[in-house]
Amino acid sequence: MIRYFGFLANRVCGKYLPKVYEALKMATPGPVPKLYFAQMAKAFLNVDPFRCVLCGARMVYTAALSGLTVQGLILNAQAIAQMRYVKP
């Protein structure tokens, strides 16, 4: 509950927090860099989510198919490839 009161309260933290950093002689933290799903998957799982499990090329998502395992994707690769959206 402490974060809702005093200099950490949402209403005044932008005003008072820099003064607290200055009083404690701390550097003001900069903006936090954005972290995306692909970066997290590469860092923690050592898996590139944009690499195709069938051919190893970079994927471009056109649709999400749920319920198929990797073996099912391999067996149905031809049918899945023919499901691509083609502009008229």
PDB file of N, CA and C in Angstrom:
ATOM      1  N   MET A   1       0.802  -1.197   0.000  1.00  0.00           N
ATOM      2  CA  MET A   1       0.000   0.000   0.000  1.00  0.00           C
ATOM      3  C   MET A   1       0.849   1.266   0.000  1.00  0.00           C
ATOM      4  N   ILE A   2       2.130   1.128   0.268  1.00  0.00           N
ATOM      5  CA  ILE A   2       2.984   2.309   0.358  1.00  0.00           C
ATOM      6  C   ILE A   2       3.072   3.023  -0.987  1.00  0.00           C
ATOM      7  N   ARG A   3       3.012   2.281  -2.080  1.00  0.00           N
ATOM      8  CA  ARG A   3       3.199   2.924  -3.379  1.00  0.00           C
ATOM      9  C   ARG A   3       2.052   3.857  -3.738  1.00  0.00           C
ATOM     10  N   TYR A   4       0.926   3.770  -3.049  1.00  0.00           N
ATOM     11  CA  TYR A   4      -0.210   4.634  -3.343  1.00  0.00           C
ATOM     12  C   TYR A   4      -0.186   5.926  -2.536  1.00  0.00           C
ATOM     13  N   PHE A   5       0.803   6.086  -1.675  1.00  0.00           N
ATOM     14  CA  PHE A   5       0.884   7.267  -0.819  1.00  0.00           C
ATOM     15  C   PHE A   5       2.236   7.944  -1.004  1.00  0.00           C
ATOM     16  N   GLY A   6       2.323   9.195  -0.608  1.00  0.00           N
ATOM     17  CA  GLY A   6       3.587   9.914  -0.631  1.00  0.00           C
ATOM     18  C   GLY A   6       4.082  10.186  -2.035  1.00  0.00           C
ATOM     19  N   PHE A   7       5.407  10.144  -2.205  1.00  0.00           N
ATOM     20  CA  PHE A   7       5.992  10.493  -3.503  1.00  0.00           C
ATOM     21  C   PHE A   7       5.790   9.414  -4.558  1.00  0.00           C
ATOM     22  N   LEU A   8       5.319   8.217  -4.182  1.00  0.00           N
ATOM     23  CA  LEU A   8       5.049   7.166  -5.158  1.00  0.00           C
ATOM     24  C   LEU A   8       3.600   7.145  -5.633  1.00  0.00           C
ATOM     25  N   ALA A   9       2.763   8.003  -5.093  1.00  0.00           N
ATOM     26  CA  ALA A   9       1.363   8.062  -5.516  1.00  0.00           C
ATOM     27  C   ALA A   9       1.302   8.471  -6.986  1.00  0.00           C
ATOM     28  N   ASN A  10       0.401   7.862  -7.727  1.00  0.00           N
ATOM     29  CA  ASN A  10       0.294   8.132  -9.164  1.00  0.00           C
ATOM     30  C   ASN A  10       0.074   9.608  -9.464  1.00  0.00           C
ATOM     31  N   ARG A  11      -0.632  10.279  -8.600  1.00  0.00           N
ATOM     32  CA  ARG A  11      -0.984  11.673  -8.850  1.00  0.00           C
ATOM     33  C   ARG A  11       0.218  12.609  -8.790  1.00  0.00           C
ATOM     34  N   VAL A  12       1.221  12.282  -7.953  1.00  0.00           N
ATOM     35  CA  VAL A  12       2.327  13.212  -7.728  1.00  0.00           C
ATOM     36  C   VAL A  12       3.709  12.629  -8.030  1.00  0.00           C
ATOM     37  N   CYS A  13       3.780  11.378  -8.487  1.00  0.00           N
ATOM     38  CA  CYS A  13       5.115  10.779  -8.660  1.00  0.00           C
ATOM     39  C   CYS A  13       5.935  11.495  -9.733  1.00  0.00           C
ATOM     40  N   GLY A  14       5.301  12.008 -10.763  1.00  0.00           N
ATOM     41  CA  GLY A  14       6.037  12.748 -11.779  1.00  0.00           C
ATOM     42  C   GLY A  14       6.624  14.044 -11.261  1.00  0.00           C
ATOM     43  N   LYS A  15       6.003  14.584 -10.241  1.00  0.00           N
ATOM     44  CA  LYS A  15       6.451  15.847  -9.671  1.00  0.00           C
ATOM     45  C   LYS A  15       7.523  15.631  -8.604  1.00  0.00           C
ATOM     46  N   TYR A  16       7.319  14.642  -7.725  1.00  0.00           N
ATOM     47  CA  TYR A  16       8.198  14.471  -6.568  1.00  0.00           C
ATOM     48  C   TYR A  16       9.319  13.451  -6.765  1.00  0.00           C
ATOM     49  N   LEU A  17       9.139  12.485  -7.624  1.00  0.00           N
ATOM     50  CA  LEU A  17      10.159  11.442  -7.772  1.00  0.00           C
ATOM     51  C   LEU A  17      11.503  11.986  -8.249  1.00  0.00           C
ATOM     52  N   PRO A  18      11.559  12.918  -9.200  1.00  0.00           N
ATOM     53  CA  PRO A  18      12.865  13.490  -9.554  1.00  0.00           C
ATOM     54  C   PRO A  18      13.545  14.192  -8.378  1.00  0.00           C
ATOM     55  N   LYS A  19      12.759  14.801  -7.498  1.00  0.00           N
ATOM     56  CA  LYS A  19      13.333  15.452  -6.316  1.00  0.00           C
ATOM     57  C   LYS A  19      13.906  14.421  -5.348  1.00  0.00           C
ATOM     58  N   VAL A  20      13.258  13.277  -5.235  1.00  0.00           N
ATOM     59  CA  VAL A  20      13.762  12.201  -4.371  1.00  0.00           C
ATOM     60  C   VAL A  20      15.075  11.665  -4.931  1.00  0.00           C
ATOM     61  N   TYR A  21      15.136  11.452  -6.241  1.00  0.00           N
ATOM     62  CA  TYR A  21      16.385  10.992  -6.867  1.00  0.00           C
ATOM     63  C   TYR A  21      17.507  12.001  -6.635  1.00  0.00           C
ATOM     64  N   GLU A  22      17.174  13.269  -6.750  1.00  0.00           N
ATOM     65  CA  GLU A  22      18.178  14.315  -6.551  1.00  0.00           C
ATOM     66  C   GLU A  22      18.662  14.338  -5.097  1.00  0.00           C
ATOM     67  N   ALA A  23      17.756  14.185  -4.147  1.00  0.00           N
ATOM     68  CA  ALA A  23      18.130  14.194  -2.727  1.00  0.00           C
ATOM     69  C   ALA A  23      18.999  12.990  -2.367  1.00  0.00           C
ATOM     70  N   LEU A  24      18.741  11.853  -3.018  1.00  0.00           N
ATOM     71  CA  LEU A  24      19.527  10.644  -2.760  1.00  0.00           C
ATOM     72  C   LEU A  24      20.768  10.555  -3.648  1.00  0.00           C
ATOM     73  N   LYS A  25      20.967  11.565  -4.490  1.00  0.00           N
ATOM     74  CA  LYS A  25      22.097  11.617  -5.425  1.00  0.00           C
ATOM     75  C   LYS A  25      22.132  10.383  -6.335  1.00  0.00           C
ATOM     76  N   MET A  26      20.967  10.030  -6.849  1.00  0.00           N
ATOM     77  CA  MET A  26      20.830   8.903  -7.771  1.00  0.00           C
ATOM     78  C   MET A  26      20.587   9.441  -9.177  1.00  0.00           C
ATOM     79  N   ALA A  27      20.996   8.679 -10.154  1.00  0.00           N
ATOM     80  CA  ALA A  27      20.719   9.051 -11.538  1.00  0.00           C
ATOM     81  C   ALA A  27      19.260   8.732 -11.846  1.00  0.00           C
ATOM     82  N   THR A  28      18.609   9.631 -12.548  1.00  0.00           N
ATOM     83  CA  THR A  28      17.221   9.399 -12.935  1.00  0.00           C
ATOM     84  C   THR A  28      17.198   8.320 -14.006  1.00  0.00           C
ATOM     85  N   PRO A  29      16.404   7.262 -13.814  1.00  0.00           N
ATOM     86  CA  PRO A  29      16.376   6.198 -14.821  1.00  0.00           C
ATOM     87  C   PRO A  29      15.762   6.690 -16.124  1.00  0.00           C
ATOM     88  N   GLY A  30      16.319   6.217 -17.220  1.00  0.00           N
ATOM     89  CA  GLY A  30      15.812   6.595 -18.533  1.00  0.00           C
ATOM     90  C   GLY A  30      14.627   5.730 -18.916  1.00  0.00           C
ATOM     91  N   PRO A  31      14.127   5.924 -20.110  1.00  0.00           N
ATOM     92  CA  PRO A  31      12.993   5.117 -20.552  1.00  0.00           C
ATOM     93  C   PRO A  31      13.402   3.652 -20.741  1.00  0.00           C
ATOM     94  N   VAL A  32      12.488   2.776 -20.443  1.00  0.00           N
ATOM     95  CA  VAL A  32      12.734   1.341 -20.574  1.00  0.00           C
ATOM     96  C   VAL A  32      12.542   0.958 -22.036  1.00  0.00           C
ATOM     97  N   PRO A  33      13.509   0.259 -22.646  1.00  0.00           N
ATOM     98  CA  PRO A  33      13.341  -0.133 -24.049  1.00  0.00           C
ATOM     99  C   PRO A  33      12.211  -1.156 -24.192  1.00  0.00           C
ATOM    100  N   LYS A  34      11.513  -1.087 -25.313  1.00  0.00           N
ATOM    101  CA  LYS A  34      10.416  -2.023 -25.561  1.00  0.00           C
ATOM    102  C   LYS A  34      10.983  -3.412 -25.821  1.00  0.00           C
ATOM    103  N   LEU A  35      10.291  -4.399 -25.303  1.00  0.00           N
ATOM    104  CA  LEU A  35      10.702  -5.781 -25.479  1.00  0.00           C
ATOM    105  C   LEU A  35       9.579  -6.506 -26.200  1.00  0.00           C
ATOM    106  N   TYR A  36       9.897  -7.120 -27.315  1.00  0.00           N
ATOM    107  CA  TYR A  36       8.897  -7.772 -28.131  1.00  0.00           C
ATOM    108  C   TYR A  36       8.952  -9.279 -27.938  1.00  0.00           C
ATOM    109  N   PHE A  37       7.890  -9.963 -28.344  1.00  0.00           N
ATOM    110  CA  PHE A  37       7.779 -11.407 -28.172  1.00  0.00           C
ATOM    111  C   PHE A  37       8.937 -12.147 -28.829  1.00  0.00           C
ATOM    112  N   ALA A  38       9.297 -11.758 -30.037  1.00  0.00           N
ATOM    113  CA  ALA A  38      10.369 -12.451 -30.749  1.00  0.00           C
ATOM    114  C   ALA A  38      11.697 -12.320 -30.009  1.00  0.00           C
ATOM    115  N   GLN A  39      11.967 -11.152 -29.454  1.00  0.00           N
ATOM    116  CA  GLN A  39      13.201 -10.960 -28.691  1.00  0.00           C
ATOM    117  C   GLN A  39      13.210 -11.834 -27.447  1.00  0.00           C
ATOM    118  N   MET A  40      12.072 -11.922 -26.754  1.00  0.00           N
ATOM    119  CA  MET A  40      12.003 -12.752 -25.550  1.00  0.00           C
ATOM    120  C   MET A  40      12.164 -14.223 -25.890  1.00  0.00           C
ATOM    121  N   ALA A  41      11.534 -14.673 -26.968  1.00  0.00           N
ATOM    122  CA  ALA A  41      11.628 -16.076 -27.353  1.00  0.00           C
ATOM    123  C   ALA A  41      13.061 -16.439 -27.731  1.00  0.00           C
ATOM    124  N   LYS A  42      13.746 -15.546 -28.431  1.00  0.00           N
ATOM    125  CA  LYS A  42      15.138 -15.813 -28.801  1.00  0.00           C
ATOM    126  C   LYS A  42      16.040 -15.833 -27.578  1.00  0.00           C
ATOM    127  N   ALA A  43      15.807 -14.931 -26.621  1.00  0.00           N
ATOM    128  CA  ALA A  43      16.673 -14.826 -25.450  1.00  0.00           C
ATOM    129  C   ALA A  43      16.458 -15.966 -24.463  1.00  0.00           C
ATOM    130  N   PHE A  44      15.219 -16.307 -24.181  1.00  0.00           N
ATOM    131  CA  PHE A  44      14.939 -17.267 -23.123  1.00  0.00           C
ATOM    132  C   PHE A  44      14.755 -18.692 -23.622  1.00  0.00           C
ATOM    133  N   LEU A  45      14.196 -18.860 -24.803  1.00  0.00           N
ATOM    134  CA  LEU A  45      13.898 -20.198 -25.308  1.00  0.00           C
ATOM    135  C   LEU A  45      14.869 -20.661 -26.384  1.00  0.00           C
ATOM    136  N   ASN A  46      15.728 -19.757 -26.858  1.00  0.00           N
ATOM    137  CA  ASN A  46      16.651 -20.052 -27.958  1.00  0.00           C
ATOM    138  C   ASN A  46      15.905 -20.564 -29.187  1.00  0.00           C
ATOM    139  N   VAL A  47      14.747 -19.974 -29.439  1.00  0.00           N
ATOM    140  CA  VAL A  47      13.920 -20.355 -30.579  1.00  0.00           C
ATOM    141  C   VAL A  47      13.532 -19.087 -31.316  1.00  0.00           C
ATOM    142  N   ASP A  48      13.709 -19.092 -32.620  1.00  0.00           N
ATOM    143  CA  ASP A  48      13.267 -17.965 -33.428  1.00  0.00           C
ATOM    144  C   ASP A  48      11.823 -18.227 -33.846  1.00  0.00           C
ATOM    145  N   PRO A  49      10.859 -17.458 -33.336  1.00  0.00           N
ATOM    146  CA  PRO A  49       9.463 -17.739 -33.667  1.00  0.00           C
ATOM    147  C   PRO A  49       9.103 -17.431 -35.116  1.00  0.00           C
ATOM    148  N   PHE A  50       9.964 -16.737 -35.823  1.00  0.00           N
ATOM    149  CA  PHE A  50       9.686 -16.411 -37.214  1.00  0.00           C
ATOM    150  C   PHE A  50      10.378 -17.358 -38.193  1.00  0.00           C
ATOM    151  N   ARG A  51      10.972 -18.449 -37.695  1.00  0.00           N
ATOM    152  CA  ARG A  51      11.609 -19.436 -38.566  1.00  0.00           C
ATOM    153  C   ARG A  51      10.611 -20.548 -38.842  1.00  0.00           C
ATOM    154  N   CYS A  52      10.438 -20.889 -40.086  1.00  0.00           N
ATOM    155  CA  CYS A  52       9.504 -21.934 -40.488  1.00  0.00           C
ATOM    156  C   CYS A  52      10.013 -23.291 -40.021  1.00  0.00           C
ATOM    157  N   VAL A  53       9.119 -24.095 -39.431  1.00  0.00           N
ATOM    158  CA  VAL A  53       9.514 -25.423 -38.969  1.00  0.00           C
ATOM    159  C   VAL A  53       9.637 -26.401 -40.128  1.00  0.00           C
ATOM    160  N   LEU A  54       9.093 -26.048 -41.281  1.00  0.00           N
ATOM    161  CA  LEU A  54       9.150 -26.948 -42.429  1.00  0.00           C
ATOM    162  C   LEU A  54      10.417 -26.755 -43.256  1.00  0.00           C
ATOM    163  N   CYS A  55      10.723 -25.501 -43.609  1.00  0.00           N
ATOM    164  CA  CYS A  55      11.855 -25.264 -44.506  1.00  0.00           C
ATOM    165  C   CYS A  55      12.973 -24.437 -43.880  1.00  0.00           C
ATOM    166  N   GLY A  56      12.730 -23.794 -42.739  1.00  0.00           N
ATOM    167  CA  GLY A  56      13.753 -22.998 -42.080  1.00  0.00           C
ATOM    168  C   GLY A  56      13.843 -21.564 -42.567  1.00  0.00           C
ATOM    169  N   ALA A  57      13.002 -21.172 -43.519  1.00  0.00           N
ATOM    170  CA  ALA A  57      13.017 -19.797 -44.035  1.00  0.00           C
ATOM    171  C   ALA A  57      12.247 -18.877 -43.088  1.00  0.00           C
ATOM    172  N   ARG A  58      12.362 -17.592 -43.315  1.00  0.00           N
ATOM    173  CA  ARG A  58      11.643 -16.611 -42.487  1.00  0.00           C
ATOM    174  C   ARG A  58      10.166 -16.631 -42.857  1.00  0.00           C
ATOM    175  N   MET A  59       9.310 -16.686 -41.841  1.00  0.00           N
ATOM    176  CA  MET A  59       7.871 -16.776 -42.071  1.00  0.00           C
ATOM    177  C   MET A  59       7.232 -15.401 -42.168  1.00  0.00           C
ATOM    178  N   VAL A  60       6.191 -15.333 -42.959  1.00  0.00           N
ATOM    179  CA  VAL A  60       5.308 -14.184 -43.021  1.00  0.00           C
ATOM    180  C   VAL A  60       3.934 -14.711 -42.632  1.00  0.00           C
ATOM    181  N   TYR A  61       3.383 -14.198 -41.539  1.00  0.00           N
ATOM    182  CA  TYR A  61       2.123 -14.727 -41.037  1.00  0.00           C
ATOM    183  C   TYR A  61       0.961 -14.242 -41.883  1.00  0.00           C
ATOM    184  N   THR A  62       0.162 -15.187 -42.351  1.00  0.00           N
ATOM    185  CA  THR A  62      -1.060 -14.861 -43.070  1.00  0.00           C
ATOM    186  C   THR A  62      -2.275 -15.393 -42.333  1.00  0.00           C
ATOM    187  N   ALA A  63      -2.087 -16.454 -41.553  1.00  0.00           N
ATOM    188  CA  ALA A  63      -3.186 -17.028 -40.774  1.00  0.00           C
ATOM    189  C   ALA A  63      -2.596 -17.852 -39.647  1.00  0.00           C
ATOM    190  N   ALA A  64      -3.379 -18.058 -38.624  1.00  0.00           N
ATOM    191  CA  ALA A  64      -2.948 -18.891 -37.502  1.00  0.00           C
ATOM    192  C   ALA A  64      -3.786 -20.159 -37.502  1.00  0.00           C
ATOM    193  N   LEU A  65      -3.127 -21.297 -37.536  1.00  0.00           N
ATOM    194  CA  LEU A  65      -3.808 -22.584 -37.489  1.00  0.00           C
ATOM    195  C   LEU A  65      -3.513 -23.213 -36.143  1.00  0.00           C
ATOM    196  N   SER A  66      -4.537 -23.502 -35.384  1.00  0.00           N
ATOM    197  CA  SER A  66      -4.312 -24.093 -34.070  1.00  0.00           C
ATOM    198  C   SER A  66      -4.637 -25.579 -34.113  1.00  0.00           C
ATOM    199  N   GLY A  67      -4.007 -26.302 -33.229  1.00  0.00           N
ATOM    200  CA  GLY A  67      -4.313 -27.718 -33.091  1.00  0.00           C
ATOM    201  C   GLY A  67      -3.406 -28.650 -33.868  1.00  0.00           C
ATOM    202  N   LEU A  68      -2.548 -28.142 -34.732  1.00  0.00           N
ATOM    203  CA  LEU A  68      -1.662 -29.015 -35.494  1.00  0.00           C
ATOM    204  C   LEU A  68      -0.304 -29.109 -34.812  1.00  0.00           C
ATOM    205  N   THR A  69       0.226 -30.312 -34.722  1.00  0.00           N
ATOM    206  CA  THR A  69       1.565 -30.505 -34.186  1.00  0.00           C
ATOM    207  C   THR A  69       2.574 -30.299 -35.306  1.00  0.00           C
ATOM    208  N   VAL A  70       3.844 -30.322 -34.965  1.00  0.00           N
ATOM    209  CA  VAL A  70       4.889 -30.172 -35.982  1.00  0.00           C
ATOM    210  C   VAL A  70       4.787 -31.312 -36.988  1.00  0.00           C
ATOM    211  N   GLN A  71       4.549 -32.520 -36.504  1.00  0.00           N
ATOM    212  CA  GLN A  71       4.415 -33.666 -37.413  1.00  0.00           C
ATOM    213  C   GLN A  71       3.211 -33.472 -38.336  1.00  0.00           C
ATOM    214  N   GLY A  72       2.110 -32.947 -37.785  1.00  0.00           N
ATOM    215  CA  GLY A  72       0.932 -32.678 -38.606  1.00  0.00           C
ATOM    216  C   GLY A  72       1.198 -31.605 -39.646  1.00  0.00           C
ATOM    217  N   LEU A  73       1.982 -30.598 -39.285  1.00  0.00           N
ATOM    218  CA  LEU A  73       2.345 -29.561 -40.251  1.00  0.00           C
ATOM    219  C   LEU A  73       3.189 -30.131 -41.379  1.00  0.00           C
ATOM    220  N   ILE A  74       4.125 -31.007 -41.019  1.00  0.00           N
ATOM    221  CA  ILE A  74       4.993 -31.599 -42.037  1.00  0.00           C
ATOM    222  C   ILE A  74       4.185 -32.479 -42.985  1.00  0.00           C
ATOM    223  N   LEU A  75       3.280 -33.267 -42.435  1.00  0.00           N
ATOM    224  CA  LEU A  75       2.476 -34.160 -43.272  1.00  0.00           C
ATOM    225  C   LEU A  75       1.513 -33.383 -44.171  1.00  0.00           C
ATOM    226  N   ASN A  76       1.032 -32.244 -43.708  1.00  0.00           N
ATOM    227  CA  ASN A  76       0.054 -31.463 -44.468  1.00  0.00           C
ATOM    228  C   ASN A  76       0.661 -30.212 -45.091  1.00  0.00           C
ATOM    229  N   ALA A  77       1.959 -30.189 -45.311  1.00  0.00           N
ATOM    230  CA  ALA A  77       2.635 -28.993 -45.818  1.00  0.00           C
ATOM    231  C   ALA A  77       2.082 -28.555 -47.171  1.00  0.00           C
ATOM    232  N   GLN A  78       1.818 -29.505 -48.039  1.00  0.00           N
ATOM    233  CA  GLN A  78       1.308 -29.175 -49.377  1.00  0.00           C
ATOM    234  C   GLN A  78      -0.061 -28.506 -49.279  1.00  0.00           C
ATOM    235  N   ALA A  79      -0.956 -29.069 -48.495  1.00  0.00           N
ATOM    236  CA  ALA A  79      -2.304 -28.505 -48.365  1.00  0.00           C
ATOM    237  C   ALA A  79      -2.260 -27.141 -47.684  1.00  0.00           C
ATOM    238  N   ILE A  80      -1.399 -26.996 -46.685  1.00  0.00           N
ATOM    239  CA  ILE A  80      -1.291 -25.716 -45.984  1.00  0.00           C
ATOM    240  C   ILE A  80      -0.729 -24.646 -46.914  1.00  0.00           C
ATOM    241  N   ALA A  81       0.234 -25.011 -47.756  1.00  0.00           N
ATOM    242  CA  ALA A  81       0.825 -24.051 -48.689  1.00  0.00           C
ATOM    243  C   ALA A  81      -0.205 -23.565 -49.704  1.00  0.00           C
ATOM    244  N   GLN A  82      -1.145 -24.412 -50.066  1.00  0.00           N
ATOM    245  CA  GLN A  82      -2.167 -24.023 -51.033  1.00  0.00           C
ATOM    246  C   GLN A  82      -3.263 -23.162 -50.408  1.00  0.00           C
ATOM    247  N   MET A  83      -3.271 -23.026 -49.072  1.00  0.00           N
ATOM    248  CA  MET A  83      -4.267 -22.207 -48.385  1.00  0.00           C
ATOM    249  C   MET A  83      -3.879 -20.736 -48.370  1.00  0.00           C
ATOM    250  N   ARG A  84      -2.729 -20.376 -48.934  1.00  0.00           N
ATOM    251  CA  ARG A  84      -2.266 -18.987 -48.908  1.00  0.00           C
ATOM    252  C   ARG A  84      -3.267 -18.068 -49.574  1.00  0.00           C
ATOM    253  N   TYR A  85      -3.350 -16.868 -49.024  1.00  0.00           N
ATOM    254  CA  TYR A  85      -4.233 -15.860 -49.591  1.00  0.00           C
ATOM    255  C   TYR A  85      -3.593 -15.297 -50.854  1.00  0.00           C
ATOM    256  N   VAL A  86      -4.322 -15.326 -51.936  1.00  0.00           N
ATOM    257  CA  VAL A  86      -3.853 -14.779 -53.206  1.00  0.00           C
ATOM    258  C   VAL A  86      -4.788 -13.644 -53.585  1.00  0.00           C
ATOM    259  N   LYS A  87      -4.220 -12.451 -53.780  1.00  0.00           N
ATOM    260  CA  LYS A  87      -5.047 -11.304 -54.153  1.00  0.00           C
ATOM    261  C   LYS A  87      -5.578 -11.498 -55.570  1.00  0.00           C
ATOM    262  N   PRO A  88      -6.862 -11.170 -55.780  1.00  0.00           N
ATOM    263  CA  PRO A  88      -7.437 -11.337 -57.138  1.00  0.00           C
ATOM    264  C   PRO A  88      -6.895 -10.336 -58.126  1.00  0.00           C
TER     265      PRO A  88
END
